[in-house]
Amino acid sequence: MPVIVAAVAVVVAIIVLIVLFKMVWRVAEPNEALIISGLGAKSKPIDGLDSLGFKIVTGKGTSVLPGFQVARRLRLDSRAANLEVKCVTQQGIPVKVRGVAIYKVGDDFVSIANAARRFLEQQGSMDAAIHELFTGHLRSIIGNLTVEDLILNRERLTSETRSSAADEMSKLGLVVDSLQIQEIDDETDYITNLGRPHAARIASAARIAEAERDQEATQREQEALRENAAVIRDTEIKKAEYEGQVNQAAQQARQEVILKETRNAELEAERTEKRLESEVRKPADARAYEQVKLAEADREQRIAQAQAAATEIQLKAQREAEATRILGEAQADATRQKGLAEAEAIKARADALARNTDAVIAQQLAEQWPQIVEAGAKVFGNVDNMVVLNGAEGIEDMLAKALTLGGTGLGVARQLLAGMSGPTGQNGAAPANAQIPTVPVEVPKEN
């Protein structure tokens, strides 16, 4: 139990110490300075200042005894004061100058001490003080300058203003970071008129430049249009060329396809031809060659046989010619002998006819009797059925009538007589080739 009480007492003591430390300890921020005054608040001697009756702390912490010391904060960050000054230039021209001054409390202890003495409780009045300070200096400086100096050399105005106000700013513990003259106006339009000649020159130059730029722009536009037209023309030409190349490529592709197809067809035809040549032509050629050879052999054989036959025929013809000659000679001799014999016979017949005509005629009729009978038989050639009466006598009578009706017998007799009484051969004989002609007998067909 005593241990717990002791621990609690220690904790409470620690808490009390922490609270007391927070109440006593003060820390200066980077943009501020602690001004501590009161019992024992003294700082070390500073060059340019007598012994201070307060303590300055920047960038660290320090203890402040409550009830005996007081700690105040002086801001060290920048401030801006707007300036607006009405004044008269060296030329007597009233002008209004507007600007801005950027200032702050100096970082050294002297500046902090000076500023703390003057503005510690009145830091909000710094802007007004700076405004009044710079207004006076601007009026003094502008009174010695012309409007042209103000316009053309503002850096001189700002530098002279800062230089003239530097001593007073140092006494106040302030430093100027920047002073800018923003605008200078005049009620008499002096600045405006001052700029008019130049503005006119500038305007004229601007119009000339604008006209030149317009002309140049027009020329550039025309050139651009021409270039665009040329580009369009070239594009169309290229497009046409590309289309022609595409069409040519397509045509070449089609031709290549056709050539490939033709080549394939040719290859197929060649393969077919080779296959046919190997399967058909060569066997056919072999068979044809065989047939040719066989035909040649057969032809040679037939030629040999024909030559042998011709030789044989020639020999036979020669033999037959010889035999014909001999036979002809024999036949001629026989004919001559026959003619001689017939002539002798005709002579003998003529002699006989002269001595006995009836006997000769009877002999001739006997020799020609078969022809006479044949001529008489033709009379009955168209008879289908014939009835003969009276037996043999009827037949004899019928034949006699047939011969009589046909005139055959009479004609034969006449011819025999004519042949005998006609031209005679040598020694009054009838010709050897005299023949008795036959006369046709027409017998009407009986129903």
Protein backbone atom coordinates (compact mmCIF):
# COMPACT_ATOMS: atom_id res chain seq x y z
CA MET A 1 0.00 0.00 0.00
CA PRO A 2 2.73 2.51 0.79
CA VAL A 3 4.36 1.61 -2.53
CA ILE A 4 1.24 2.47 -4.45
CA VAL A 5 0.89 5.74 -2.63
CA ALA A 6 4.50 6.54 -3.35
CA ALA A 7 4.02 5.68 -7.05
CA VAL A 8 0.93 7.85 -7.25
CA ALA A 9 2.76 10.65 -5.54
CA VAL A 10 5.61 10.34 -8.06
CA VAL A 11 3.18 10.40 -11.00
CA VAL A 12 1.39 13.40 -9.60
CA ALA A 13 4.70 15.14 -9.04
CA ILE A 14 5.73 14.44 -12.62
CA ILE A 15 2.45 15.77 -13.93
CA VAL A 16 2.83 18.87 -11.81
CA LEU A 17 6.35 19.37 -13.09
CA ILE A 18 5.17 19.04 -16.68
CA VAL A 19 2.45 21.55 -16.13
CA LEU A 20 4.82 23.95 -14.45
CA PHE A 21 7.35 23.48 -17.30
CA LYS A 22 4.74 24.28 -19.92
CA MET A 23 3.71 27.35 -17.96
CA VAL A 24 7.31 28.55 -17.70
CA TRP A 25 8.91 27.54 -21.02
CA ARG A 26 8.43 29.68 -24.20
CA VAL A 27 9.74 28.87 -27.71
CA ALA A 28 10.38 31.45 -30.46
CA GLU A 29 9.12 30.47 -33.93
CA PRO A 30 11.42 30.93 -36.97
CA ASN A 31 9.51 34.07 -38.12
CA GLU A 32 9.28 35.76 -34.76
CA ALA A 33 11.37 37.04 -31.87
CA LEU A 34 10.52 36.75 -28.16
CA ILE A 35 10.83 40.02 -26.25
CA ILE A 36 11.05 39.14 -22.52
CA SER A 37 10.90 41.88 -19.94
CA GLY A 38 10.65 41.82 -16.15
CA LEU A 39 12.67 40.60 -13.19
CA GLY A 40 16.14 39.45 -14.30
CA ALA A 41 15.33 39.82 -18.05
CA LYS A 42 18.53 41.30 -19.29
CA SER A 43 20.46 40.51 -22.44
CA LYS A 44 24.15 40.67 -23.20
CA PRO A 45 25.52 43.97 -24.47
CA ILE A 46 25.00 44.47 -28.22
CA ASP A 47 27.19 46.57 -30.47
CA GLY A 48 25.60 49.89 -31.17
CA LEU A 49 23.13 49.65 -28.27
CA ASP A 50 23.30 50.40 -24.62
CA SER A 51 22.34 47.74 -22.12
CA LEU A 52 18.79 46.68 -22.91
CA GLY A 53 16.17 46.43 -20.25
CA PHE A 54 14.67 43.32 -21.96
CA LYS A 55 15.80 40.05 -23.38
CA ILE A 56 15.59 39.05 -27.12
CA VAL A 57 15.27 35.35 -28.02
CA THR A 58 15.10 34.09 -31.62
CA GLY A 59 14.97 30.53 -32.91
CA LYS A 60 15.05 28.81 -29.49
CA GLY A 61 13.24 28.49 -26.17
CA THR A 62 13.65 30.19 -22.81
CA SER A 63 12.01 30.14 -19.41
CA VAL A 64 9.67 32.90 -18.31
CA LEU A 65 8.78 33.25 -14.70
CA PRO A 66 5.03 33.78 -14.40
CA GLY A 67 4.18 36.92 -12.44
CA PHE A 68 7.74 38.15 -12.62
CA GLN A 69 8.43 38.23 -16.39
CA VAL A 70 6.36 38.94 -19.52
CA ALA A 71 7.06 37.44 -22.98
CA ARG A 72 5.82 39.19 -26.14
CA ARG A 73 6.24 38.10 -29.77
CA LEU A 74 7.50 40.38 -32.57
CA ARG A 75 6.82 39.06 -36.05
CA LEU A 76 9.78 38.96 -38.39
CA ASP A 77 7.92 38.01 -41.62
CA SER A 78 7.51 40.33 -44.62
CA ARG A 79 4.81 42.95 -44.90
CA ALA A 80 3.43 44.91 -47.88
CA ALA A 81 2.51 48.60 -47.85
CA ASN A 82 0.63 50.11 -50.80
CA LEU A 83 1.93 53.52 -51.87
CA GLU A 84 -0.14 56.21 -53.61
CA VAL A 85 1.54 59.59 -54.00
CA LYS A 86 0.41 62.80 -55.73
CA CYS A 87 3.31 65.03 -56.63
CA VAL A 88 4.69 67.41 -59.24
CA THR A 89 7.62 66.74 -61.54
CA GLN A 90 10.49 69.04 -62.35
CA GLN A 91 8.44 70.24 -65.36
CA GLY A 92 5.55 71.23 -63.12
CA ILE A 93 3.32 68.44 -64.38
CA PRO A 94 1.20 66.85 -61.66
CA VAL A 95 1.43 63.09 -61.59
CA LYS A 96 0.06 60.28 -59.47
CA VAL A 97 2.42 57.46 -58.58
CA ARG A 98 1.24 54.11 -57.28
CA GLY A 99 3.54 51.40 -56.02
CA VAL A 100 4.18 48.85 -53.30
CA ALA A 101 6.90 48.46 -50.67
CA ILE A 102 7.79 45.03 -49.30
CA TYR A 103 9.53 45.39 -45.90
CA LYS A 104 10.16 43.50 -42.68
CA VAL A 105 11.84 43.78 -39.28
CA GLY A 106 15.56 43.22 -39.61
CA ASP A 107 16.99 39.88 -38.48
CA ASP A 108 19.77 41.34 -36.32
CA PHE A 109 19.23 42.13 -32.65
CA VAL A 110 19.68 45.92 -33.22
CA SER A 111 16.86 46.02 -35.75
CA ILE A 112 14.71 43.79 -33.56
CA ALA A 113 15.37 46.02 -30.55
CA ASN A 114 14.56 49.23 -32.53
CA ALA A 115 11.39 47.70 -33.95
CA ALA A 116 10.37 46.33 -30.54
CA ARG A 117 10.72 49.73 -28.95
CA ARG A 118 8.59 51.39 -31.64
CA PHE A 119 6.08 48.78 -32.83
CA LEU A 120 5.88 45.94 -30.28
CA GLU A 121 2.39 46.82 -29.15
CA GLN A 122 1.51 48.66 -32.41
CA GLN A 123 2.64 46.25 -35.12
CA GLY A 124 -0.49 47.07 -37.17
CA SER A 125 0.65 50.70 -37.58
CA MET A 126 3.81 49.73 -39.43
CA ASP A 127 2.10 50.00 -42.85
CA ALA A 128 0.93 53.54 -42.22
CA ALA A 129 4.38 54.57 -41.01
CA ILE A 130 6.01 53.06 -44.07
CA HIS A 131 3.46 54.75 -46.34
CA GLU A 132 4.13 58.15 -44.88
CA LEU A 133 7.86 57.59 -44.93
CA PHE A 134 8.02 56.60 -48.60
CA THR A 135 5.44 59.22 -49.67
CA GLY A 136 7.69 62.00 -48.43
CA HIS A 137 10.76 60.58 -50.06
CA LEU A 138 8.90 60.00 -53.38
CA ARG A 139 7.65 63.58 -53.49
CA SER A 140 11.16 64.86 -52.90
CA ILE A 141 12.72 62.61 -55.52
CA ILE A 142 10.01 63.05 -58.20
CA GLY A 143 10.30 66.85 -57.83
CA ASN A 144 13.82 66.57 -59.20
CA LEU A 145 12.87 64.30 -62.13
CA THR A 146 11.03 64.81 -65.41
CA VAL A 147 8.13 62.75 -66.67
CA GLU A 148 10.41 61.19 -69.22
CA ASP A 149 12.75 60.12 -66.39
CA LEU A 150 9.86 58.62 -64.49
CA ILE A 151 8.70 56.68 -67.52
CA LEU A 152 12.01 55.65 -68.99
CA ASN A 153 14.05 55.15 -65.82
CA ARG A 154 11.94 53.80 -63.04
CA GLU A 155 14.87 51.92 -61.59
CA ARG A 156 16.51 55.28 -60.76
CA LEU A 157 13.37 56.34 -58.92
CA THR A 158 13.21 53.19 -56.84
CA SER A 159 16.91 53.11 -56.07
CA GLU A 160 17.00 56.76 -54.99
CA THR A 161 13.89 56.25 -52.88
CA ARG A 162 15.38 53.24 -51.12
CA SER A 163 18.67 55.06 -50.57
CA SER A 164 17.05 58.13 -49.14
CA ALA A 165 14.81 56.10 -46.81
CA ALA A 166 17.46 53.64 -45.70
CA ASP A 167 18.65 55.64 -42.67
CA GLU A 168 15.17 56.21 -41.33
CA MET A 169 14.19 52.57 -41.99
CA SER A 170 17.27 51.49 -40.03
CA LYS A 171 16.25 53.62 -37.09
CA LEU A 172 12.84 52.00 -37.19
CA GLY A 173 14.45 48.54 -37.26
CA LEU A 174 12.98 47.84 -40.72
CA VAL A 175 14.55 46.79 -44.00
CA VAL A 176 13.08 47.10 -47.52
CA ASP A 177 12.99 43.84 -49.44
CA SER A 178 11.45 45.37 -52.56
CA LEU A 179 10.08 48.67 -53.83
CA GLN A 180 8.09 48.65 -57.06
CA ILE A 181 6.56 51.63 -58.93
CA GLN A 182 3.48 50.12 -60.51
CA GLU A 183 1.83 53.02 -62.31
CA ILE A 184 2.38 56.70 -63.15
CA ASP A 185 -0.65 58.79 -64.22
CA ASP A 186 -1.06 62.48 -65.11
CA GLU A 187 -4.19 64.57 -65.36
CA THR A 188 -2.96 66.65 -68.34
CA ASP A 189 -2.48 63.63 -70.66
CA TYR A 190 1.14 64.61 -70.95
CA ILE A 191 2.24 61.03 -70.87
CA THR A 192 -0.45 60.14 -73.41
CA ASN A 193 0.57 62.97 -75.74
CA LEU A 194 4.18 62.15 -75.16
CA GLY A 195 3.57 58.74 -76.49
CA ARG A 196 1.37 59.76 -79.43
CA PRO A 197 4.17 60.55 -81.95
CA HIS A 198 5.82 57.38 -81.09
CA ALA A 199 2.44 55.65 -81.06
CA ALA A 200 1.69 57.16 -84.48
CA ARG A 201 5.04 55.98 -85.77
CA ILE A 202 4.40 52.66 -84.18
CA ALA A 203 0.83 52.61 -85.56
CA SER A 204 2.09 53.56 -89.00
CA ALA A 205 4.80 51.01 -88.78
CA ALA A 206 2.24 48.60 -87.45
CA ARG A 207 -0.12 49.32 -90.36
CA ILE A 208 2.75 49.03 -92.81
CA ALA A 209 3.90 45.92 -91.13
CA GLU A 210 0.32 44.67 -91.04
CA ALA A 211 -0.10 45.48 -94.75
CA GLU A 212 3.21 43.82 -95.47
CA ARG A 213 2.15 40.93 -93.31
CA ASP A 214 -1.22 40.84 -95.11
CA GLN A 215 0.53 40.95 -98.46
CA GLU A 216 3.01 38.38 -97.32
CA ALA A 217 0.18 36.36 -95.83
CA THR A 218 -1.74 36.67 -99.11
CA GLN A 219 1.35 35.64 -101.02
CA ARG A 220 1.90 32.84 -98.57
CA GLU A 221 -1.75 31.84 -98.88
CA GLN A 222 -1.50 31.90 -102.68
CA GLU A 223 1.74 29.97 -102.49
CA ALA A 224 0.08 27.62 -100.04
CA LEU A 225 -2.88 27.25 -102.40
CA ARG A 226 -0.50 26.62 -105.28
CA GLU A 227 1.46 24.20 -103.18
CA ASN A 228 -1.78 22.57 -102.07
CA ALA A 229 -2.92 22.37 -105.69
CA ALA A 230 0.49 20.97 -106.65
CA VAL A 231 0.31 18.56 -103.75
CA ILE A 232 -3.24 17.58 -104.75
CA ARG A 233 -2.10 17.20 -108.36
CA ASP A 234 0.92 15.16 -107.29
CA THR A 235 -1.32 13.18 -104.98
CA GLU A 236 -3.79 12.50 -107.78
CA ILE A 237 -0.92 11.58 -110.10
CA LYS A 238 0.60 9.36 -107.46
CA LYS A 239 -2.83 7.93 -106.74
CA ALA A 240 -3.35 7.26 -110.44
CA GLU A 241 0.14 5.78 -110.62
CA TYR A 242 -0.55 3.67 -107.55
CA GLU A 243 -3.91 2.59 -108.98
CA GLY A 244 -2.19 1.83 -112.27
CA GLN A 245 0.47 -0.11 -110.42
CA VAL A 246 -2.22 -1.90 -108.41
CA ASN A 247 -4.16 -2.68 -111.59
CA GLN A 248 -0.93 -3.73 -113.31
CA ALA A 249 -0.02 -5.84 -110.30
CA ALA A 250 -3.51 -7.34 -110.31
CA GLN A 251 -3.25 -7.96 -114.06
CA GLN A 252 0.20 -9.43 -113.60
CA ALA A 253 -1.17 -11.55 -110.77
CA ARG A 254 -4.02 -12.71 -113.01
CA GLN A 255 -1.53 -13.33 -115.82
CA GLU A 256 0.68 -15.22 -113.40
CA VAL A 257 -2.35 -17.24 -112.30
CA ILE A 258 -3.22 -17.86 -115.95
CA LEU A 259 0.41 -18.71 -116.68
CA LYS A 260 0.49 -21.02 -113.68
CA GLU A 261 -2.77 -22.62 -114.76
CA THR A 262 -1.44 -22.86 -118.33
CA ARG A 263 1.84 -24.24 -117.04
CA ASN A 264 -0.07 -26.69 -114.85
CA ALA A 265 -2.19 -27.65 -117.84
CA GLU A 266 0.95 -27.99 -119.94
CA LEU A 267 2.58 -30.05 -117.22
CA GLU A 268 -0.56 -32.14 -116.93
CA ALA A 269 -0.61 -32.49 -120.73
CA GLU A 270 3.06 -33.38 -120.69
CA ARG A 271 2.44 -35.91 -117.93
CA THR A 272 -0.52 -37.26 -119.87
CA GLU A 273 1.53 -37.27 -123.06
CA LYS A 274 4.39 -39.02 -121.30
CA ARG A 275 1.96 -41.45 -119.72
CA LEU A 276 0.34 -42.07 -123.10
CA GLU A 277 3.74 -42.27 -124.69
CA SER A 278 4.87 -44.81 -122.11
CA GLU A 279 1.55 -46.67 -121.94
CA VAL A 280 0.24 -46.33 -125.52
CA ARG A 281 2.65 -44.74 -127.97
CA LYS A 282 5.70 -46.77 -127.14
CA PRO A 283 3.82 -50.07 -127.15
CA ALA A 284 2.03 -48.90 -130.33
CA ASP A 285 5.34 -47.80 -131.80
CA ALA A 286 6.78 -51.13 -130.80
CA ARG A 287 3.83 -52.92 -132.35
CA ALA A 288 3.97 -50.63 -135.39
CA TYR A 289 7.70 -51.18 -135.61
CA GLU A 290 7.06 -54.86 -135.34
CA GLN A 291 4.34 -54.63 -137.98
CA VAL A 292 6.60 -52.48 -140.17
CA LYS A 293 9.41 -54.91 -139.80
CA LEU A 294 7.05 -57.80 -140.40
CA ALA A 295 5.55 -55.94 -143.38
CA GLU A 296 9.02 -55.15 -144.67
CA ALA A 297 9.98 -58.75 -144.23
CA ASP A 298 6.73 -59.85 -145.85
CA ARG A 299 7.20 -57.25 -148.60
CA GLU A 300 10.72 -58.41 -149.18
CA GLN A 301 9.46 -61.95 -149.17
CA ARG A 302 6.68 -61.05 -151.62
CA ILE A 303 9.15 -59.09 -153.71
CA ALA A 304 11.43 -62.07 -153.74
CA GLN A 305 8.49 -64.31 -154.54
CA ALA A 306 7.25 -61.82 -157.17
CA GLN A 307 10.69 -61.57 -158.61
CA ALA A 308 10.88 -65.35 -158.66
CA ALA A 309 7.35 -65.51 -160.09
CA ALA A 310 8.19 -62.79 -162.61
CA THR A 311 11.28 -64.63 -163.56
CA GLU A 312 9.24 -67.76 -163.82
CA ILE A 313 6.49 -65.96 -165.73
CA GLN A 314 9.06 -64.38 -167.98
CA LEU A 315 10.56 -67.73 -168.58
CA LYS A 316 7.08 -69.20 -169.01
CA ALA A 317 6.09 -66.35 -171.33
CA GLN A 318 9.18 -66.90 -173.29
CA ARG A 319 8.36 -70.57 -173.44
CA GLU A 320 4.70 -69.83 -174.24
CA ALA A 321 5.74 -67.26 -176.83
CA GLU A 322 7.99 -69.80 -178.35
CA ALA A 323 5.22 -72.36 -178.13
CA THR A 324 2.71 -69.85 -179.53
CA ARG A 325 5.05 -69.02 -182.32
CA ILE A 326 5.47 -72.66 -183.09
CA LEU A 327 1.71 -73.23 -182.62
CA GLY A 328 0.92 -70.22 -184.76
CA GLU A 329 3.19 -71.41 -187.40
CA ALA A 330 1.55 -74.81 -187.11
CA GLN A 331 -1.97 -73.30 -187.12
CA ALA A 332 -1.09 -71.05 -189.97
CA ASP A 333 0.23 -74.03 -191.87
CA ALA A 334 -2.88 -76.02 -190.88
CA THR A 335 -5.13 -73.14 -191.90
CA ARG A 336 -3.31 -72.87 -195.12
CA GLN A 337 -3.63 -76.58 -195.62
CA LYS A 338 -7.33 -76.40 -194.55
CA GLY A 339 -7.95 -73.50 -196.86
CA LEU A 340 -6.37 -75.38 -199.62
CA ALA A 341 -8.47 -78.39 -198.75
CA GLU A 342 -11.69 -76.31 -198.53
CA ALA A 343 -10.88 -74.64 -201.75
CA GLU A 344 -10.46 -77.97 -203.36
CA ALA A 345 -13.72 -79.11 -201.70
CA ILE A 346 -15.61 -76.02 -202.92
CA LYS A 347 -14.22 -76.51 -206.33
CA ALA A 348 -15.34 -80.07 -206.22
CA ARG A 349 -18.79 -79.03 -204.92
CA ALA A 350 -19.16 -76.45 -207.58
CA ASP A 351 -18.24 -78.98 -210.10
CA ALA A 352 -20.78 -81.33 -208.54
CA LEU A 353 -23.46 -78.63 -208.38
CA ALA A 354 -22.90 -77.86 -211.90
CA ARG A 355 -23.33 -81.49 -212.76
CA ASN A 356 -26.13 -82.34 -210.18
CA THR A 357 -27.93 -79.44 -208.48
CA ASP A 358 -30.63 -81.44 -206.65
CA ALA A 359 -28.15 -83.72 -205.04
CA VAL A 360 -26.15 -80.77 -203.74
CA ILE A 361 -29.29 -79.07 -202.33
CA ALA A 362 -30.34 -82.22 -200.64
CA GLN A 363 -26.92 -82.49 -199.10
CA GLN A 364 -27.10 -78.90 -197.90
CA LEU A 365 -30.53 -79.42 -196.40
CA ALA A 366 -29.28 -82.50 -194.67
CA GLU A 367 -26.35 -80.57 -193.24
CA GLN A 368 -28.65 -77.68 -192.13
CA TRP A 369 -31.49 -79.86 -190.95
CA PRO A 370 -30.85 -79.39 -187.19
CA GLN A 371 -31.16 -75.59 -187.55
CA ILE A 372 -34.31 -76.02 -189.64
CA VAL A 373 -35.88 -78.25 -187.02
CA GLU A 374 -34.85 -75.85 -184.28
CA ALA A 375 -36.50 -72.99 -186.12
CA GLY A 376 -39.67 -75.03 -186.58
CA ALA A 377 -39.71 -75.94 -182.93
CA LYS A 378 -39.70 -72.27 -181.94
CA VAL A 379 -43.17 -72.03 -183.50
CA PHE A 380 -44.47 -74.23 -180.68
CA GLY A 381 -42.53 -72.39 -177.96
CA ASN A 382 -45.57 -70.36 -176.81
CA VAL A 383 -48.01 -73.26 -176.92
CA ASP A 384 -49.05 -74.44 -173.42
CA ASN A 385 -51.16 -77.48 -174.46
CA MET A 386 -51.36 -79.06 -177.86
CA VAL A 387 -53.61 -81.93 -178.96
CA VAL A 388 -52.47 -83.92 -181.96
CA LEU A 389 -55.06 -85.95 -183.89
CA ASN A 390 -54.59 -88.70 -186.44
CA GLY A 391 -51.45 -90.04 -184.79
CA ALA A 392 -48.26 -89.92 -186.82
CA GLU A 393 -49.91 -88.46 -189.82
CA GLY A 394 -51.27 -85.63 -187.76
CA ILE A 395 -47.79 -84.84 -186.44
CA GLU A 396 -46.30 -84.92 -189.92
CA ASP A 397 -49.05 -82.71 -191.22
CA MET A 398 -48.59 -80.27 -188.29
CA LEU A 399 -44.88 -80.04 -188.80
CA ALA A 400 -45.29 -79.51 -192.49
CA LYS A 401 -47.74 -76.73 -191.86
CA ALA A 402 -45.46 -75.22 -189.23
CA LEU A 403 -42.62 -75.18 -191.63
CA THR A 404 -44.87 -73.79 -194.31
CA LEU A 405 -46.45 -71.14 -192.02
CA GLY A 406 -43.08 -70.02 -190.72
CA GLY A 407 -41.58 -69.95 -194.14
CA THR A 408 -38.66 -71.63 -192.72
CA GLY A 409 -38.31 -74.35 -195.19
CA LEU A 410 -38.92 -72.02 -198.08
CA GLY A 411 -36.46 -69.55 -196.76
CA VAL A 412 -33.85 -72.19 -196.21
CA ALA A 413 -34.33 -73.45 -199.69
CA ARG A 414 -34.08 -69.97 -201.08
CA GLN A 415 -30.91 -69.30 -199.21
CA LEU A 416 -29.44 -72.55 -200.34
CA LEU A 417 -30.26 -71.71 -203.90
CA ALA A 418 -29.04 -68.17 -203.53
CA GLY A 419 -25.85 -69.37 -201.94
CA MET A 420 -25.30 -71.69 -204.72
CA SER A 421 -26.20 -69.27 -207.49
CA GLY A 422 -24.58 -66.19 -205.92
CA PRO A 423 -21.02 -65.01 -206.09
CA THR A 424 -18.71 -67.85 -206.47
CA GLY A 425 -15.20 -68.28 -205.53
CA GLN A 426 -12.45 -69.22 -207.70
CA ASN A 427 -13.58 -71.35 -210.63
CA GLY A 428 -17.30 -70.49 -210.06
CA ALA A 429 -17.56 -72.10 -206.56
CA ALA A 430 -19.56 -70.64 -203.69
CA PRO A 431 -17.71 -68.92 -200.89
CA ALA A 432 -16.26 -71.16 -198.27
CA ASN A 433 -17.92 -69.26 -195.40
CA ALA A 434 -21.37 -69.14 -196.96
CA GLN A 435 -24.01 -70.17 -194.42
CA ILE A 436 -27.72 -70.66 -194.74
CA PRO A 437 -29.48 -68.11 -192.46
CA THR A 438 -32.40 -69.16 -190.33
CA VAL A 439 -35.71 -67.34 -190.58
CA PRO A 440 -37.81 -67.10 -187.40
CA VAL A 441 -41.30 -68.64 -187.61
CA GLU A 442 -44.09 -66.92 -185.73
CA VAL A 443 -46.99 -69.17 -184.82
CA PRO A 444 -50.03 -67.61 -183.18
CA LYS A 445 -50.78 -68.86 -179.73
CA GLU A 446 -53.89 -70.94 -179.51
CA ASN A 447 -56.20 -70.51 -176.61
